[in-house]
Amino acid sequence: MSTEEKRKKAPETAVWYFVGATFAFALGPMLFSDGGPDRWQTVLSMILGAGLFISGCVVFAKERRLRREAQSKPVEDSDAPSGP
């Protein structure tokens, strides 16, 4: 498999962590904002959103590193003859 194919097939899953964090941040206060003194549901959804956001940042950094490594490696030309 060539380097270009590896770079194209690099996983792009970090975006789903960010989408999940967005839903956790938005839906938590909307669903649990009854104004009662016990707001532990809202706090819990904020903690969940922050955890998803941090996980997304870690996965995004890993994916960028893998893409950068695949891009920096020399391209192997499989059509070139290997002998003299």
N, C-alpha and C. Protein backbone atom coordinates (compact mmCIF):
# COMPACT_ATOMS: atom_id res chain seq x y z
N MET A 1 0.85 -1.16 0.00
CA MET A 1 0.00 0.00 0.00
C MET A 1 0.90 1.23 0.00
N SER A 2 0.65 2.17 -0.91
CA SER A 2 1.50 3.35 -1.00
C SER A 2 1.18 4.34 0.12
N THR A 3 2.05 5.29 0.29
CA THR A 3 1.88 6.30 1.33
C THR A 3 0.65 7.14 1.09
N GLU A 4 0.39 7.45 -0.17
CA GLU A 4 -0.80 8.25 -0.51
C GLU A 4 -2.08 7.50 -0.13
N GLU A 5 -2.10 6.20 -0.36
CA GLU A 5 -3.28 5.41 0.02
C GLU A 5 -3.43 5.35 1.53
N LYS A 6 -2.32 5.25 2.25
CA LYS A 6 -2.39 5.24 3.72
C LYS A 6 -2.93 6.56 4.23
N ARG A 7 -2.48 7.67 3.62
CA ARG A 7 -2.94 8.97 4.07
C ARG A 7 -4.43 9.14 3.78
N LYS A 8 -4.87 8.63 2.64
CA LYS A 8 -6.30 8.73 2.31
C LYS A 8 -7.15 7.86 3.22
N LYS A 9 -6.59 6.74 3.67
CA LYS A 9 -7.35 5.82 4.52
C LYS A 9 -7.15 6.09 6.00
N ALA A 10 -6.50 7.20 6.34
CA ALA A 10 -6.30 7.54 7.75
C ALA A 10 -7.65 7.76 8.40
N PRO A 11 -7.84 7.24 9.60
CA PRO A 11 -9.15 7.38 10.25
C PRO A 11 -9.45 8.83 10.59
N GLU A 12 -10.70 9.19 10.46
CA GLU A 12 -11.15 10.53 10.81
C GLU A 12 -12.31 10.40 11.79
N THR A 13 -12.00 9.97 12.99
CA THR A 13 -13.05 9.74 13.98
C THR A 13 -13.15 10.85 15.01
N ALA A 14 -12.20 11.76 15.02
CA ALA A 14 -12.21 12.83 16.02
C ALA A 14 -13.45 13.70 15.89
N VAL A 15 -13.92 13.85 14.66
CA VAL A 15 -15.09 14.71 14.44
C VAL A 15 -16.30 14.19 15.20
N TRP A 16 -16.41 12.89 15.36
CA TRP A 16 -17.57 12.33 16.08
C TRP A 16 -17.50 12.60 17.57
N TYR A 17 -16.29 12.70 18.11
CA TYR A 17 -16.15 13.10 19.52
C TYR A 17 -16.64 14.53 19.71
N PHE A 18 -16.28 15.40 18.75
CA PHE A 18 -16.71 16.80 18.85
C PHE A 18 -18.22 16.94 18.66
N VAL A 19 -18.80 16.14 17.78
CA VAL A 19 -20.26 16.16 17.60
C VAL A 19 -20.95 15.68 18.88
N GLY A 20 -20.44 14.63 19.49
CA GLY A 20 -20.99 14.14 20.75
C GLY A 20 -20.88 15.16 21.86
N ALA A 21 -19.75 15.86 21.91
CA ALA A 21 -19.57 16.89 22.93
C ALA A 21 -20.56 18.03 22.71
N THR A 22 -20.79 18.39 21.46
CA THR A 22 -21.75 19.45 21.17
C THR A 22 -23.14 19.07 21.64
N PHE A 23 -23.55 17.84 21.38
CA PHE A 23 -24.87 17.39 21.84
C PHE A 23 -24.94 17.33 23.36
N ALA A 24 -23.87 16.89 23.99
CA ALA A 24 -23.88 16.83 25.46
C ALA A 24 -23.97 18.22 26.06
N PHE A 25 -23.23 19.17 25.49
CA PHE A 25 -23.29 20.55 26.00
C PHE A 25 -24.66 21.19 25.74
N ALA A 26 -25.26 20.92 24.59
CA ALA A 26 -26.51 21.59 24.23
C ALA A 26 -27.74 20.92 24.84
N LEU A 27 -27.80 19.61 24.78
CA LEU A 27 -29.01 18.92 25.22
C LEU A 27 -29.13 18.83 26.73
N GLY A 28 -28.01 18.76 27.44
CA GLY A 28 -28.06 18.66 28.89
C GLY A 28 -28.83 19.80 29.53
N PRO A 29 -28.42 21.03 29.29
CA PRO A 29 -29.16 22.15 29.89
C PRO A 29 -30.58 22.29 29.35
N MET A 30 -30.81 21.93 28.10
CA MET A 30 -32.18 22.04 27.55
C MET A 30 -33.12 21.04 28.22
N LEU A 31 -32.65 19.84 28.44
CA LEU A 31 -33.52 18.80 29.00
C LEU A 31 -33.68 18.91 30.51
N PHE A 32 -32.64 19.37 31.18
CA PHE A 32 -32.65 19.34 32.65
C PHE A 32 -32.68 20.73 33.29
N SER A 33 -33.12 21.75 32.57
CA SER A 33 -33.12 23.10 33.13
C SER A 33 -34.49 23.45 33.71
N ASP A 34 -34.92 22.69 34.69
CA ASP A 34 -36.22 22.95 35.30
C ASP A 34 -36.15 24.03 36.37
N GLY A 35 -34.96 24.52 36.67
CA GLY A 35 -34.80 25.59 37.65
C GLY A 35 -34.81 25.11 39.08
N GLY A 36 -34.80 23.82 39.30
CA GLY A 36 -34.79 23.28 40.66
C GLY A 36 -33.43 23.42 41.31
N PRO A 37 -33.39 23.24 42.62
CA PRO A 37 -32.12 23.38 43.33
C PRO A 37 -31.14 22.24 43.02
N ASP A 38 -31.66 21.10 42.62
CA ASP A 38 -30.80 19.97 42.29
C ASP A 38 -30.49 20.01 40.80
N ARG A 39 -29.35 20.58 40.47
CA ARG A 39 -28.96 20.71 39.07
C ARG A 39 -27.84 19.72 38.74
N TRP A 40 -27.82 18.58 39.39
CA TRP A 40 -26.74 17.63 39.17
C TRP A 40 -26.78 17.05 37.76
N GLN A 41 -27.96 16.98 37.13
CA GLN A 41 -28.04 16.47 35.75
C GLN A 41 -27.32 17.41 34.78
N THR A 42 -27.50 18.71 34.97
CA THR A 42 -26.83 19.67 34.10
C THR A 42 -25.33 19.62 34.30
N VAL A 43 -24.91 19.54 35.54
CA VAL A 43 -23.47 19.45 35.83
C VAL A 43 -22.90 18.17 35.25
N LEU A 44 -23.63 17.08 35.36
CA LEU A 44 -23.17 15.81 34.81
C LEU A 44 -23.05 15.88 33.29
N SER A 45 -24.00 16.52 32.62
CA SER A 45 -23.91 16.64 31.16
C SER A 45 -22.75 17.54 30.75
N MET A 46 -22.45 18.56 31.54
CA MET A 46 -21.30 19.42 31.25
C MET A 46 -19.99 18.65 31.42
N ILE A 47 -19.93 17.81 32.44
CA ILE A 47 -18.73 16.99 32.65
C ILE A 47 -18.58 15.98 31.51
N LEU A 48 -19.69 15.39 31.08
CA LEU A 48 -19.66 14.45 29.95
C LEU A 48 -19.20 15.16 28.68
N GLY A 49 -19.74 16.35 28.43
CA GLY A 49 -19.34 17.12 27.25
C GLY A 49 -17.86 17.48 27.28
N ALA A 50 -17.37 17.88 28.45
CA ALA A 50 -15.95 18.22 28.58
C ALA A 50 -15.07 16.99 28.35
N GLY A 51 -15.50 15.85 28.87
CA GLY A 51 -14.75 14.61 28.65
C GLY A 51 -14.71 14.22 27.19
N LEU A 52 -15.83 14.36 26.51
CA LEU A 52 -15.86 14.05 25.07
C LEU A 52 -14.99 15.03 24.28
N PHE A 53 -15.01 16.30 24.68
CA PHE A 53 -14.20 17.29 23.99
C PHE A 53 -12.71 17.01 24.16
N ILE A 54 -12.30 16.69 25.37
CA ILE A 54 -10.89 16.39 25.62
C ILE A 54 -10.48 15.11 24.88
N SER A 55 -11.35 14.10 24.88
CA SER A 55 -11.06 12.88 24.13
C SER A 55 -10.93 13.17 22.64
N GLY A 56 -11.79 14.03 22.13
CA GLY A 56 -11.71 14.42 20.73
C GLY A 56 -10.40 15.11 20.41
N CYS A 57 -9.93 15.96 21.31
CA CYS A 57 -8.64 16.64 21.10
C CYS A 57 -7.49 15.64 21.06
N VAL A 58 -7.53 14.65 21.94
CA VAL A 58 -6.47 13.63 21.97
C VAL A 58 -6.49 12.80 20.68
N VAL A 59 -7.68 12.38 20.25
CA VAL A 59 -7.79 11.58 19.03
C VAL A 59 -7.39 12.42 17.81
N PHE A 60 -7.78 13.69 17.80
CA PHE A 60 -7.42 14.57 16.68
C PHE A 60 -5.91 14.73 16.58
N ALA A 61 -5.23 14.90 17.70
CA ALA A 61 -3.78 15.03 17.70
C ALA A 61 -3.12 13.74 17.20
N LYS A 62 -3.65 12.61 17.60
CA LYS A 62 -3.12 11.32 17.15
C LYS A 62 -3.30 11.16 15.64
N GLU A 63 -4.48 11.52 15.12
CA GLU A 63 -4.74 11.40 13.70
C GLU A 63 -3.84 12.34 12.89
N ARG A 64 -3.62 13.55 13.38
CA ARG A 64 -2.74 14.48 12.68
C ARG A 64 -1.31 13.95 12.66
N ARG A 65 -0.86 13.36 13.77
CA ARG A 65 0.49 12.81 13.83
C ARG A 65 0.63 11.65 12.83
N LEU A 66 -0.37 10.79 12.76
CA LEU A 66 -0.31 9.67 11.81
C LEU A 66 -0.28 10.17 10.37
N ARG A 67 -1.09 11.19 10.05
CA ARG A 67 -1.09 11.75 8.70
C ARG A 67 0.24 12.41 8.38
N ARG A 68 0.81 13.12 9.35
CA ARG A 68 2.08 13.78 9.13
C ARG A 68 3.19 12.75 8.90
N GLU A 69 3.18 11.65 9.66
CA GLU A 69 4.18 10.60 9.48
C GLU A 69 4.04 9.94 8.13
N ALA A 70 2.80 9.71 7.70
CA ALA A 70 2.58 9.08 6.40
C ALA A 70 2.99 10.02 5.27
N GLN A 71 2.83 11.32 5.48
CA GLN A 71 3.18 12.29 4.46
C GLN A 71 4.69 12.48 4.38
N SER A 72 5.39 12.37 5.49
CA SER A 72 6.83 12.61 5.49
C SER A 72 7.64 11.42 4.99
N LYS A 73 7.06 10.25 4.98
CA LYS A 73 7.77 9.08 4.48
C LYS A 73 7.91 9.18 2.97
N PRO A 74 9.04 8.70 2.42
CA PRO A 74 9.20 8.76 0.97
C PRO A 74 8.18 7.87 0.27
N VAL A 75 7.74 8.33 -0.86
CA VAL A 75 6.74 7.59 -1.63
C VAL A 75 7.41 6.41 -2.28
N GLU A 76 6.85 5.23 -2.08
CA GLU A 76 7.39 4.02 -2.68
C GLU A 76 6.72 3.81 -4.03
N ASP A 77 7.51 3.81 -5.08
CA ASP A 77 6.96 3.63 -6.41
C ASP A 77 6.99 2.15 -6.74
N SER A 78 5.82 1.54 -6.80
CA SER A 78 5.76 0.09 -7.03
C SER A 78 5.98 -0.26 -8.49
N ASP A 79 5.89 0.72 -9.40
CA ASP A 79 6.08 0.44 -10.83
C ASP A 79 7.55 0.50 -11.25
N ALA A 80 8.39 1.05 -10.42
CA ALA A 80 9.79 1.18 -10.75
C ALA A 80 10.49 -0.18 -10.63
N PRO A 81 11.41 -0.46 -11.51
CA PRO A 81 12.13 -1.74 -11.42
C PRO A 81 13.04 -1.74 -10.20
N SER A 82 13.15 -2.90 -9.56
CA SER A 82 13.94 -2.99 -8.34
C SER A 82 15.38 -3.44 -8.61
N GLY A 83 15.66 -3.95 -9.76
CA GLY A 83 16.99 -4.44 -10.06
C GLY A 83 17.79 -3.47 -10.91
N PRO A 84 19.05 -3.85 -11.24
CA PRO A 84 19.91 -2.98 -12.06
C PRO A 84 19.51 -2.91 -13.49
